[in-house]
C-alpha atoms as a PDB file:
ATOM      1  CA  MET A   1     -13.135   5.175  15.233  1.00  0.00           C
ATOM      2  CA  SER A   2     -10.462   7.286  13.445  1.00  0.00           C
ATOM      3  CA  ASN A   3      -8.932   6.450   9.989  1.00  0.00           C
ATOM      4  CA  SER A   4      -5.738   5.520  11.884  1.00  0.00           C
ATOM      5  CA  ASP A   5      -7.445   3.032  14.241  1.00  0.00           C
ATOM      6  CA  LYS A   6      -9.306   1.385  11.268  1.00  0.00           C
ATOM      7  CA  ALA A   7      -5.927   1.100   9.273  1.00  0.00           C
ATOM      8  CA  ILE A   8      -4.376  -0.602  12.590  1.00  0.00           C
ATOM      9  CA  ARG A   9      -7.218  -2.879  13.002  1.00  0.00           C
ATOM     10  CA  THR A  10      -6.912  -3.967   9.158  1.00  0.00           C
ATOM     11  CA  THR A  11      -3.010  -4.490   9.837  1.00  0.00           C
ATOM     12  CA  TYR A  12      -3.855  -6.993  12.853  1.00  0.00           C
ATOM     13  CA  PHE A  13      -6.056  -8.979  10.468  1.00  0.00           C
ATOM     14  CA  SER A  14      -3.149  -8.950   8.089  1.00  0.00           C
ATOM     15  CA  ILE A  15      -0.723 -10.177  10.517  1.00  0.00           C
ATOM     16  CA  LEU A  16      -2.962 -13.016  11.818  1.00  0.00           C
ATOM     17  CA  THR A  17      -3.571 -14.115   8.150  1.00  0.00           C
ATOM     18  CA  ASN A  18       0.003 -14.178   7.204  1.00  0.00           C
ATOM     19  CA  PHE A  19       0.959 -16.141  10.287  1.00  0.00           C
ATOM     20  CA  LEU A  20      -1.609 -18.836   9.815  1.00  0.00           C
ATOM     21  CA  LEU A  21      -0.947 -19.123   6.046  1.00  0.00           C
ATOM     22  CA  ALA A  22       2.770 -19.302   6.629  1.00  0.00           C
ATOM     23  CA  LEU A  23       2.443 -22.213   9.057  1.00  0.00           C
ATOM     24  CA  VAL A  24       0.011 -24.066   6.608  1.00  0.00           C
ATOM     25  CA  LYS A  25       2.469 -23.488   3.774  1.00  0.00           C
ATOM     26  CA  TRP A  26       5.612 -24.608   5.767  1.00  0.00           C
ATOM     27  CA  LEU A  27       3.840 -27.751   6.910  1.00  0.00           C
ATOM     28  CA  ALA A  28       2.264 -28.627   3.521  1.00  0.00           C
ATOM     29  CA  GLY A  29       5.659 -27.849   1.676  1.00  0.00           C
ATOM     30  CA  TYR A  30       7.751 -30.143   4.017  1.00  0.00           C
ATOM     31  CA  PHE A  31       5.147 -33.101   4.090  1.00  0.00           C
ATOM     32  CA  GLY A  32       4.175 -32.680   0.553  1.00  0.00           C
ATOM     33  CA  HIS A  33       7.589 -32.446  -0.901  1.00  0.00           C
ATOM     34  CA  SER A  34       6.832 -29.038  -2.570  1.00  0.00           C
ATOM     35  CA  HIS A  35       9.724 -26.671  -2.822  1.00  0.00           C
ATOM     36  CA  ALA A  36       7.382 -24.195  -4.496  1.00  0.00           C
ATOM     37  CA  LEU A  37       5.231 -24.118  -1.308  1.00  0.00           C
ATOM     38  CA  ILE A  38       8.331 -23.907   0.881  1.00  0.00           C
ATOM     39  CA  ALA A  39       9.259 -20.755  -1.299  1.00  0.00           C
ATOM     40  CA  ASP A  40       5.750 -19.557  -0.970  1.00  0.00           C
ATOM     41  CA  ALA A  41       6.090 -20.144   2.905  1.00  0.00           C
ATOM     42  CA  ILE A  42       9.390 -17.815   2.947  1.00  0.00           C
ATOM     43  CA  GLU A  43       7.361 -15.129   1.234  1.00  0.00           C
ATOM     44  CA  SER A  44       4.530 -15.391   3.819  1.00  0.00           C
ATOM     45  CA  THR A  45       6.934 -15.365   6.838  1.00  0.00           C
ATOM     46  CA  ALA A  46       8.394 -12.179   5.320  1.00  0.00           C
ATOM     47  CA  ASP A  47       4.979 -10.876   5.215  1.00  0.00           C
ATOM     48  CA  ILE A  48       4.619 -11.222   8.864  1.00  0.00           C
ATOM     49  CA  PHE A  49       7.464  -9.112   9.632  1.00  0.00           C
ATOM     50  CA  SER A  50       6.561  -6.454   6.964  1.00  0.00           C
ATOM     51  CA  SER A  51       2.882  -6.317   8.458  1.00  0.00           C
ATOM     52  CA  PHE A  52       4.442  -5.625  11.801  1.00  0.00           C
ATOM     53  CA  LEU A  53       6.518  -2.851  10.310  1.00  0.00           C
ATOM     54  CA  VAL A  54       3.281  -1.392   8.751  1.00  0.00           C
ATOM     55  CA  LEU A  55       1.546  -1.635  12.186  1.00  0.00           C
ATOM     56  CA  LEU A  56       4.451   0.246  13.941  1.00  0.00           C
ATOM     57  CA  GLY A  57       4.266   2.918  11.251  1.00  0.00           C
ATOM     58  CA  LEU A  58       0.607   3.431  11.491  1.00  0.00           C
ATOM     59  CA  LYS A  59       0.748   3.721  15.244  1.00  0.00           C
ATOM     60  CA  TYR A  60       3.642   6.245  14.926  1.00  0.00           C
ATOM     61  CA  SER A  61       1.946   8.339  12.369  1.00  0.00           C
ATOM     62  CA  LYS A  62      -1.077   8.723  14.820  1.00  0.00           C
ATOM     63  CA  ARG A  63       1.069  11.048  16.978  1.00  0.00           C
ATOM     64  CA  PRO A  64      -0.114  14.678  16.898  1.00  0.00           C
ATOM     65  CA  ALA A  65       1.925  17.495  15.484  1.00  0.00           C
ATOM     66  CA  ASP A  66       4.483  18.812  17.848  1.00  0.00           C
ATOM     67  CA  HIS A  67       7.318  21.430  17.946  1.00  0.00           C
ATOM     68  CA  THR A  68       9.689  19.407  15.813  1.00  0.00           C
ATOM     69  CA  HIS A  69       6.886  17.933  13.553  1.00  0.00           C
ATOM     70  CA  PRO A  70       4.591  20.706  12.873  1.00  0.00           C
ATOM     71  CA  TYR A  71       3.075  18.762  10.118  1.00  0.00           C
ATOM     72  CA  GLY A  72       2.544  15.696  12.018  1.00  0.00           C
ATOM     73  CA  HIS A  73       4.153  12.297  11.781  1.00  0.00           C
ATOM     74  CA  GLY A  74       2.510  10.950   8.603  1.00  0.00           C
ATOM     75  CA  ARG A  75       5.658  10.928   6.560  1.00  0.00           C
ATOM     76  CA  ILE A  76       6.579   7.544   8.365  1.00  0.00           C
ATOM     77  CA  GLU A  77       4.124   5.878   6.116  1.00  0.00           C
ATOM     78  CA  PRO A  78       5.978   6.018   2.724  1.00  0.00           C
ATOM     79  CA  LEU A  79       9.169   5.394   4.670  1.00  0.00           C
ATOM     80  CA  ILE A  80       7.616   2.127   6.036  1.00  0.00           C
ATOM     81  CA  THR A  81       6.488   1.405   2.503  1.00  0.00           C
ATOM     82  CA  PHE A  82      10.121   1.495   1.200  1.00  0.00           C
ATOM     83  CA  ILE A  83      11.186  -0.945   3.885  1.00  0.00           C
ATOM     84  CA  VAL A  84       8.245  -3.287   2.942  1.00  0.00           C
ATOM     85  CA  VAL A  85       9.328  -3.098  -0.645  1.00  0.00           C
ATOM     86  CA  ILE A  86      12.890  -4.169   0.602  1.00  0.00           C
ATOM     87  CA  PHE A  87      11.455  -7.139   2.331  1.00  0.00           C
ATOM     88  CA  LEU A  88       9.515  -8.169  -0.852  1.00  0.00           C
ATOM     89  CA  ILE A  89      12.779  -7.922  -2.908  1.00  0.00           C
ATOM     90  CA  VAL A  90      14.791  -9.947  -0.272  1.00  0.00           C
ATOM     91  CA  SER A  91      12.046 -12.411  -0.317  1.00  0.00           C
ATOM     92  CA  ALA A  92      12.119 -12.709  -4.072  1.00  0.00           C
ATOM     93  CA  PHE A  93      15.685 -13.145  -4.124  1.00  0.00           C
ATOM     94  CA  ILE A  94      15.686 -15.975  -1.517  1.00  0.00           C
ATOM     95  CA  ILE A  95      12.840 -17.668  -3.441  1.00  0.00           C
ATOM     96  CA  ALA A  96      14.952 -17.474  -6.530  1.00  0.00           C
ATOM     97  CA  LYS A  97      18.112 -18.800  -5.077  1.00  0.00           C
ATOM     98  CA  GLU A  98      16.251 -21.785  -3.384  1.00  0.00           C
ATOM     99  CA  SER A  99      14.521 -22.468  -6.746  1.00  0.00           C
ATOM    100  CA  ILE A 100      17.823 -22.605  -8.769  1.00  0.00           C
ATOM    101  CA  TYR A 101      19.242 -24.913  -6.181  1.00  0.00           C
ATOM    102  CA  ASN A 102      16.329 -27.152  -6.185  1.00  0.00           C
ATOM    103  CA  ILE A 103      16.223 -27.218 -10.069  1.00  0.00           C
ATOM    104  CA  GLN A 104      19.685 -28.578 -10.066  1.00  0.00           C
ATOM    105  CA  THR A 105      19.015 -31.056  -7.232  1.00  0.00           C
ATOM    106  CA  PRO A 106      16.941 -34.341  -7.929  1.00  0.00           C
ATOM    107  CA  HIS A 107      13.953 -34.726  -5.746  1.00  0.00           C
ATOM    108  CA  GLU A 108      10.609 -36.518  -5.734  1.00  0.00           C
ATOM    109  CA  ALA A 109       7.503 -34.937  -7.124  1.00  0.00           C
ATOM    110  CA  PRO A 110       5.087 -33.129  -4.781  1.00  0.00           C
ATOM    111  CA  LYS A 111       2.101 -34.823  -3.343  1.00  0.00           C
ATOM    112  CA  SER A 112      -1.186 -34.293  -5.153  1.00  0.00           C
ATOM    113  CA  TRP A 113      -2.896 -33.031  -2.115  1.00  0.00           C
ATOM    114  CA  THR A 114      -0.682 -29.907  -1.909  1.00  0.00           C
ATOM    115  CA  LEU A 115      -2.931 -28.649  -4.843  1.00  0.00           C
ATOM    116  CA  TYR A 116      -6.049 -28.415  -2.563  1.00  0.00           C
ATOM    117  CA  VAL A 117      -3.973 -26.585   0.141  1.00  0.00           C
ATOM    118  CA  LEU A 118      -2.828 -24.122  -2.621  1.00  0.00           C
ATOM    119  CA  GLY A 119      -6.295 -23.590  -4.035  1.00  0.00           C
ATOM    120  CA  ALA A 120      -7.661 -22.654  -0.697  1.00  0.00           C
ATOM    121  CA  ILE A 121      -4.529 -20.397  -0.067  1.00  0.00           C
ATOM    122  CA  ILE A 122      -4.795 -18.578  -3.493  1.00  0.00           C
ATOM    123  CA  LEU A 123      -8.604 -17.931  -2.707  1.00  0.00           C
ATOM    124  CA  TRP A 124      -7.918 -16.587   0.703  1.00  0.00           C
ATOM    125  CA  LYS A 125      -4.910 -14.428  -0.317  1.00  0.00           C
ATOM    126  CA  GLU A 126      -7.057 -12.829  -3.079  1.00  0.00           C
ATOM    127  CA  ILE A 127      -9.914 -11.962  -0.790  1.00  0.00           C
ATOM    128  CA  SER A 128      -7.363 -10.661   1.727  1.00  0.00           C
ATOM    129  CA  PHE A 129      -5.766  -8.381  -0.953  1.00  0.00           C
ATOM    130  CA  ARG A 130      -9.126  -6.982  -2.044  1.00  0.00           C
ATOM    131  CA  VAL A 131     -10.283  -6.315   1.506  1.00  0.00           C
ATOM    132  CA  ILE A 132      -7.042  -4.582   2.552  1.00  0.00           C
ATOM    133  CA  MET A 133      -6.788  -2.600  -0.789  1.00  0.00           C
ATOM    134  CA  ARG A 134     -10.200  -1.415  -0.637  1.00  0.00           C
ATOM    135  CA  ARG A 135      -9.545  -0.079   3.027  1.00  0.00           C
ATOM    136  CA  SER A 136      -6.340   1.364   1.911  1.00  0.00           C
ATOM    137  CA  LYS A 137      -7.989   3.489  -0.820  1.00  0.00           C
ATOM    138  CA  LYS A 138     -10.667   4.475   1.710  1.00  0.00           C
ATOM    139  CA  LEU A 139      -8.218   5.602   4.272  1.00  0.00           C
ATOM    140  CA  ASN A 140      -5.519   6.901   1.735  1.00  0.00           C
ATOM    141  CA  SER A 141      -2.988   4.799   3.423  1.00  0.00           C
ATOM    142  CA  THR A 142       0.205   4.102   1.315  1.00  0.00           C
ATOM    143  CA  SER A 143       1.682   1.647   3.883  1.00  0.00           C
ATOM    144  CA  LEU A 144      -1.619  -0.250   4.006  1.00  0.00           C
ATOM    145  CA  LYS A 145      -1.655  -0.472   0.201  1.00  0.00           C
ATOM    146  CA  ALA A 146       1.818  -1.900   0.207  1.00  0.00           C
ATOM    147  CA  ASP A 147       0.581  -4.492   2.674  1.00  0.00           C
ATOM    148  CA  ALA A 148      -2.251  -5.368   0.428  1.00  0.00           C
ATOM    149  CA  TRP A 149       0.051  -5.868  -2.495  1.00  0.00           C
ATOM    150  CA  HIS A 150       2.095  -8.288  -0.161  1.00  0.00           C
ATOM    151  CA  HIS A 151      -0.994 -10.457  -0.209  1.00  0.00           C
ATOM    152  CA  ARG A 152      -1.277 -10.250  -3.973  1.00  0.00           C
ATOM    153  CA  SER A 153       2.409 -11.138  -4.429  1.00  0.00           C
ATOM    154  CA  ASP A 154       1.741 -14.120  -2.100  1.00  0.00           C
ATOM    155  CA  ALA A 155      -1.383 -15.048  -4.151  1.00  0.00           C
ATOM    156  CA  ILE A 156       0.933 -14.887  -7.256  1.00  0.00           C
ATOM    157  CA  THR A 157       3.543 -17.064  -5.954  1.00  0.00           C
ATOM    158  CA  SER A 158       0.730 -19.590  -4.768  1.00  0.00           C
ATOM    159  CA  VAL A 159      -0.644 -19.577  -8.330  1.00  0.00           C
ATOM    160  CA  ALA A 160       2.726 -20.395  -9.800  1.00  0.00           C
ATOM    161  CA  ALA A 161       3.291 -23.097  -7.321  1.00  0.00           C
ATOM    162  CA  PHE A 162      -0.208 -24.499  -8.292  1.00  0.00           C
ATOM    163  CA  ILE A 163       0.708 -24.494 -12.019  1.00  0.00           C
ATOM    164  CA  GLY A 164       4.232 -26.041 -11.366  1.00  0.00           C
ATOM    165  CA  ILE A 165       2.841 -28.745  -9.080  1.00  0.00           C
ATOM    166  CA  SER A 166       0.080 -29.584 -11.652  1.00  0.00           C
ATOM    167  CA  ILE A 167       2.767 -29.931 -14.417  1.00  0.00           C
ATOM    168  CA  ALA A 168       4.798 -32.072 -12.286  1.00  0.00           C
ATOM    169  CA  LEU A 169       1.894 -34.501 -11.384  1.00  0.00           C
ATOM    170  CA  ILE A 170       0.405 -34.492 -14.826  1.00  0.00           C
ATOM    171  CA  PHE A 171       3.732 -35.362 -16.868  1.00  0.00           C
ATOM    172  CA  GLY A 172       5.280 -37.485 -14.125  1.00  0.00           C
ATOM    173  CA  GLU A 173       8.935 -38.496 -14.106  1.00  0.00           C
ATOM    174  CA  GLY A 174      11.316 -35.920 -15.438  1.00  0.00           C
ATOM    175  CA  TYR A 175       9.087 -32.944 -14.530  1.00  0.00           C
ATOM    176  CA  GLU A 176       9.663 -33.082 -10.766  1.00  0.00           C
ATOM    177  CA  SER A 177      11.376 -29.817 -10.838  1.00  0.00           C
ATOM    178  CA  ALA A 178       8.243 -28.112 -12.624  1.00  0.00           C
ATOM    179  CA  ASP A 179       7.302 -26.407  -9.180  1.00  0.00           C
ATOM    180  CA  ASP A 180      10.726 -25.018  -8.744  1.00  0.00           C
ATOM    181  CA  TRP A 181      10.577 -23.376 -12.159  1.00  0.00           C
ATOM    182  CA  ALA A 182       7.229 -22.023 -11.080  1.00  0.00           C
ATOM    183  CA  ALA A 183       8.641 -20.663  -7.912  1.00  0.00           C
ATOM    184  CA  LEU A 184      11.421 -18.929  -9.825  1.00  0.00           C
ATOM    185  CA  LEU A 185       8.945 -17.363 -12.196  1.00  0.00           C
ATOM    186  CA  ALA A 186       6.990 -16.141  -9.154  1.00  0.00           C
ATOM    187  CA  SER A 187      10.149 -14.313  -7.713  1.00  0.00           C
ATOM    188  CA  GLY A 188      10.278 -12.391 -11.089  1.00  0.00           C
ATOM    189  CA  LEU A 189       6.691 -11.397 -10.769  1.00  0.00           C
ATOM    190  CA  ILE A 190       7.231 -10.354  -7.125  1.00  0.00           C
ATOM    191  CA  ILE A 191      10.085  -8.025  -8.156  1.00  0.00           C
ATOM    192  CA  TYR A 192       7.928  -6.473 -10.948  1.00  0.00           C
ATOM    193  CA  ASN A 193       5.141  -5.812  -8.455  1.00  0.00           C
ATOM    194  CA  CYS A 194       7.690  -3.986  -6.230  1.00  0.00           C
ATOM    195  CA  TYR A 195       7.734  -1.192  -8.588  1.00  0.00           C
ATOM    196  CA  GLY A 196       3.950  -0.560  -8.305  1.00  0.00           C
ATOM    197  CA  ILE A 197       4.232  -0.413  -4.596  1.00  0.00           C
ATOM    198  CA  PHE A 198       7.308   1.865  -4.471  1.00  0.00           C
ATOM    199  CA  ARG A 199       6.330   4.502  -7.078  1.00  0.00           C
ATOM    200  CA  PRO A 200       3.307   5.940  -5.238  1.00  0.00           C
ATOM    201  CA  ALA A 201       5.225   6.107  -1.966  1.00  0.00           C
ATOM    202  CA  LEU A 202       8.064   7.876  -3.809  1.00  0.00           C
ATOM    203  CA  ALA A 203       5.780  10.280  -5.318  1.00  0.00           C
ATOM    204  CA  GLU A 204       4.198  11.039  -1.918  1.00  0.00           C
ATOM    205  CA  ILE A 205       7.504  11.779  -0.179  1.00  0.00           C
ATOM    206  CA  MET A 206       8.594  13.780  -3.153  1.00  0.00           C
ATOM    207  CA  ASP A 207       5.433  15.850  -2.983  1.00  0.00           C
ATOM    208  CA  GLU A 208       4.536  15.143  -6.582  1.00  0.00           C
ATOM    209  CA  ASN A 209       1.348  16.784  -8.001  1.00  0.00           C
ATOM    210  CA  ARG A 210      -0.802  13.495  -8.456  1.00  0.00           C
ATOM    211  CA  TYR A 211      -4.207  14.774  -7.018  1.00  0.00           C
ATOM    212  CA  GLU A 212      -5.931  16.293 -10.114  1.00  0.00           C
ATOM    213  CA  GLU A 213      -9.363  15.307  -9.186  1.00  0.00           C
ATOM    214  CA  LEU A 214      -9.037  16.480  -5.612  1.00  0.00           C
ATOM    215  CA  GLU A 215      -7.623  19.851  -6.784  1.00  0.00           C
ATOM    216  CA  GLU A 216     -10.675  20.355  -9.089  1.00  0.00           C
ATOM    217  CA  GLU A 217     -12.927  19.571  -6.193  1.00  0.00           C
ATOM    218  CA  VAL A 218     -11.017  22.111  -3.945  1.00  0.00           C
ATOM    219  CA  ARG A 219     -11.378  24.827  -6.658  1.00  0.00           C
ATOM    220  CA  GLN A 220     -15.019  24.170  -7.171  1.00  0.00           C
ATOM    221  CA  HIS A 221     -15.793  24.076  -3.218  1.00  0.00           C
ATOM    222  CA  SER A 222     -13.806  27.173  -2.745  1.00  0.00           C
ATOM    223  CA  LEU A 223     -15.922  29.382  -5.068  1.00  0.00           C
ATOM    224  CA  GLN A 224     -18.889  28.611  -2.684  1.00  0.00           C
ATOM    225  CA  VAL A 225     -17.315  30.560   0.205  1.00  0.00           C
ATOM    226  CA  ALA A 226     -18.612  34.114   0.239  1.00  0.00           C
ATOM    227  CA  GLY A 227     -15.810  36.691  -0.811  1.00  0.00           C
ATOM    228  CA  VAL A 228     -13.744  34.196  -2.797  1.00  0.00           C
ATOM    229  CA  GLU A 229     -13.582  35.413  -6.487  1.00  0.00           C
ATOM    230  CA  LEU A 230     -11.421  32.619  -7.729  1.00  0.00           C
ATOM    231  CA  ILE A 231      -8.600  30.354  -7.058  1.00  0.00           C
ATOM    232  CA  GLU A 232      -5.410  31.288  -8.602  1.00  0.00           C
ATOM    233  CA  LYS A 233      -3.017  28.530  -7.397  1.00  0.00           C
ATOM    234  CA  CYS A 234      -3.740  25.324  -5.628  1.00  0.00           C
ATOM    235  CA  TYR A 235      -1.222  22.786  -4.593  1.00  0.00           C
ATOM    236  CA  ILE A 236      -1.906  19.520  -2.766  1.00  0.00           C
ATOM    237  CA  ARG A 237       0.408  16.962  -1.033  1.00  0.00           C
ATOM    238  CA  LYS A 238      -0.220  13.845   0.917  1.00  0.00           C
ATOM    239  CA  ILE A 239       1.129  13.457   4.427  1.00  0.00           C
ATOM    240  CA  GLY A 240       0.106  10.259   6.047  1.00  0.00           C
ATOM    241  CA  MET A 241      -3.640   9.578   5.405  1.00  0.00           C
ATOM    242  CA  LEU A 242      -4.460  13.244   5.024  1.00  0.00           C
ATOM    243  CA  PHE A 243      -4.079  15.840   2.352  1.00  0.00           C
ATOM    244  CA  GLN A 244      -2.404  19.256   2.915  1.00  0.00           C
ATOM    245  CA  VAL A 245      -3.752  22.056   0.585  1.00  0.00           C
ATOM    246  CA  ASP A 246      -1.984  25.246  -0.380  1.00  0.00           C
ATOM    247  CA  LEU A 247      -4.001  27.676  -2.366  1.00  0.00           C
ATOM    248  CA  HIS A 248      -4.102  31.470  -3.370  1.00  0.00           C
ATOM    249  CA  ALA A 249      -7.582  32.837  -3.149  1.00  0.00           C
ATOM    250  CA  VAL A 250      -8.341  36.120  -5.008  1.00  0.00           C
ATOM    251  CA  VAL A 251     -10.668  38.453  -3.247  1.00  0.00           C
ATOM    252  CA  ASN A 252     -11.972  41.988  -3.601  1.00  0.00           C
ATOM    253  CA  PRO A 253      -8.946  44.262  -3.353  1.00  0.00           C
ATOM    254  CA  GLU A 254     -10.928  46.890  -1.361  1.00  0.00           C
ATOM    255  CA  LEU A 255     -11.536  44.580   1.495  1.00  0.00           C
ATOM    256  CA  SER A 256      -9.656  45.208   4.753  1.00  0.00           C
ATOM    257  CA  VAL A 257      -6.962  43.042   6.032  1.00  0.00           C
ATOM    258  CA  ARG A 258      -9.286  41.809   8.818  1.00  0.00           C
ATOM    259  CA  GLU A 259     -12.061  41.042   6.297  1.00  0.00           C
ATOM    260  CA  GLY A 260      -9.495  39.094   4.030  1.00  0.00           C
ATOM    261  CA  HIS A 261      -8.363  37.188   7.100  1.00  0.00           C
ATOM    262  CA  ALA A 262     -11.915  36.275   7.810  1.00  0.00           C
ATOM    263  CA  ILE A 263     -12.474  34.908   4.395  1.00  0.00           C
ATOM    264  CA  ALA A 264      -9.295  32.788   4.617  1.00  0.00           C
ATOM    265  CA  HIS A 265     -10.458  31.094   7.935  1.00  0.00           C
ATOM    266  CA  ASP A 266     -14.031  30.596   6.290  1.00  0.00           C
ATOM    267  CA  LEU A 267     -12.403  28.919   3.362  1.00  0.00           C
ATOM    268  CA  LYS A 268     -10.253  26.773   5.413  1.00  0.00           C
ATOM    269  CA  ASP A 269     -13.158  25.634   7.610  1.00  0.00           C
ATOM    270  CA  TYR A 270     -15.377  25.073   4.711  1.00  0.00           C
ATOM    271  CA  LEU A 271     -12.933  22.836   2.749  1.00  0.00           C
ATOM    272  CA  ILE A 272     -12.226  20.728   5.710  1.00  0.00           C
ATOM    273  CA  GLU A 273     -15.721  20.149   6.555  1.00  0.00           C
ATOM    274  CA  ASN A 274     -16.901  19.386   3.023  1.00  0.00           C
ATOM    275  CA  LEU A 275     -14.031  17.412   1.610  1.00  0.00           C
ATOM    276  CA  ASP A 276     -12.801  14.061   2.920  1.00  0.00           C
ATOM    277  CA  ASN A 277      -9.313  13.567   4.186  1.00  0.00           C
ATOM    278  CA  ILE A 278      -8.224  17.292   4.328  1.00  0.00           C
ATOM    279  CA  GLY A 279      -5.796  17.595   7.184  1.00  0.00           C
ATOM    280  CA  ASN A 280      -5.114  21.278   6.855  1.00  0.00           C
ATOM    281  CA  VAL A 281      -5.497  24.230   4.307  1.00  0.00           C
ATOM    282  CA  PHE A 282      -2.989  27.175   3.916  1.00  0.00           C
ATOM    283  CA  VAL A 283      -4.646  30.111   2.357  1.00  0.00           C
ATOM    284  CA  HIS A 284      -2.808  33.176   0.822  1.00  0.00           C
ATOM    285  CA  ILE A 285      -4.974  36.060   0.078  1.00  0.00           C
ATOM    286  CA  GLU A 286      -4.598  37.703  -3.469  1.00  0.00           C
ATOM    287  CA  PRO A 287      -6.181  41.007  -4.630  1.00  0.00           C
ATOM    288  CA  PHE A 288      -8.452  40.900  -7.677  1.00  0.00           C
ATOM    289  CA  GLU A 289      -6.933  42.709 -10.471  1.00  0.00           C
ATOM    290  CA  ARG A 290      -9.172  43.810 -13.340  1.00  0.00           C
ATOM    291  CA  ASP A 291      -7.628  43.802 -16.803  1.00  0.00           C
END
């Protein structure tokens, strides 16, 4: 199974999880008189749509390189991540708006059994976050990482709801809106987390040099190839789940063009074979100049 297929399978898990939890939250929030749970359900419903976007993006990124996209279609991943961030921001503002309205509107306190529902939701969402985040790191998927953070944001919203409902139940009359204040706080935390999702995707689409460890590995492995004296320059960018490497390899200046060309091919093949997630290597041959 390819990395793309593994990422797609993970996204199906995410969609199913979000659908089931959104349903549970809507029902528990309505029958348990918890506005924080309803706000939480809004966030989970948005998660369903964002996970579908991630799924579509991953499927599109699988397309092979063609005449109009010689580097493949991997750039769709950070673009999908930007859309997911927008979904999160919109969800946060909806939660904040509903929370402010409910704070100003008298209502009865939430039911105590909603705490058990929230406890189970928090546990499951945190497990989902860790599973998907681990898979996103293994597969180098930016959009899958954004989807993982969606689960963490959902867990944060649920924790805030749990605290708010607990306060409302413990202190009784006059504290009915505690879960609304908790939902309002959660919306701010979601906005804060959006930056953590957005920043790596922006770096990816801007080709920022953020892969120092991989660069060092490339330099060390390159010296294992016969004919390579040293690596002068090495630039790495990420496209989809794979890394593209541009490097200048220094060789003996007495070699023929054919010999230098053969070394370049050997170097490319060696790096792709021995390093994970290397999509392509572009080698420029430089003559070794003695001081």
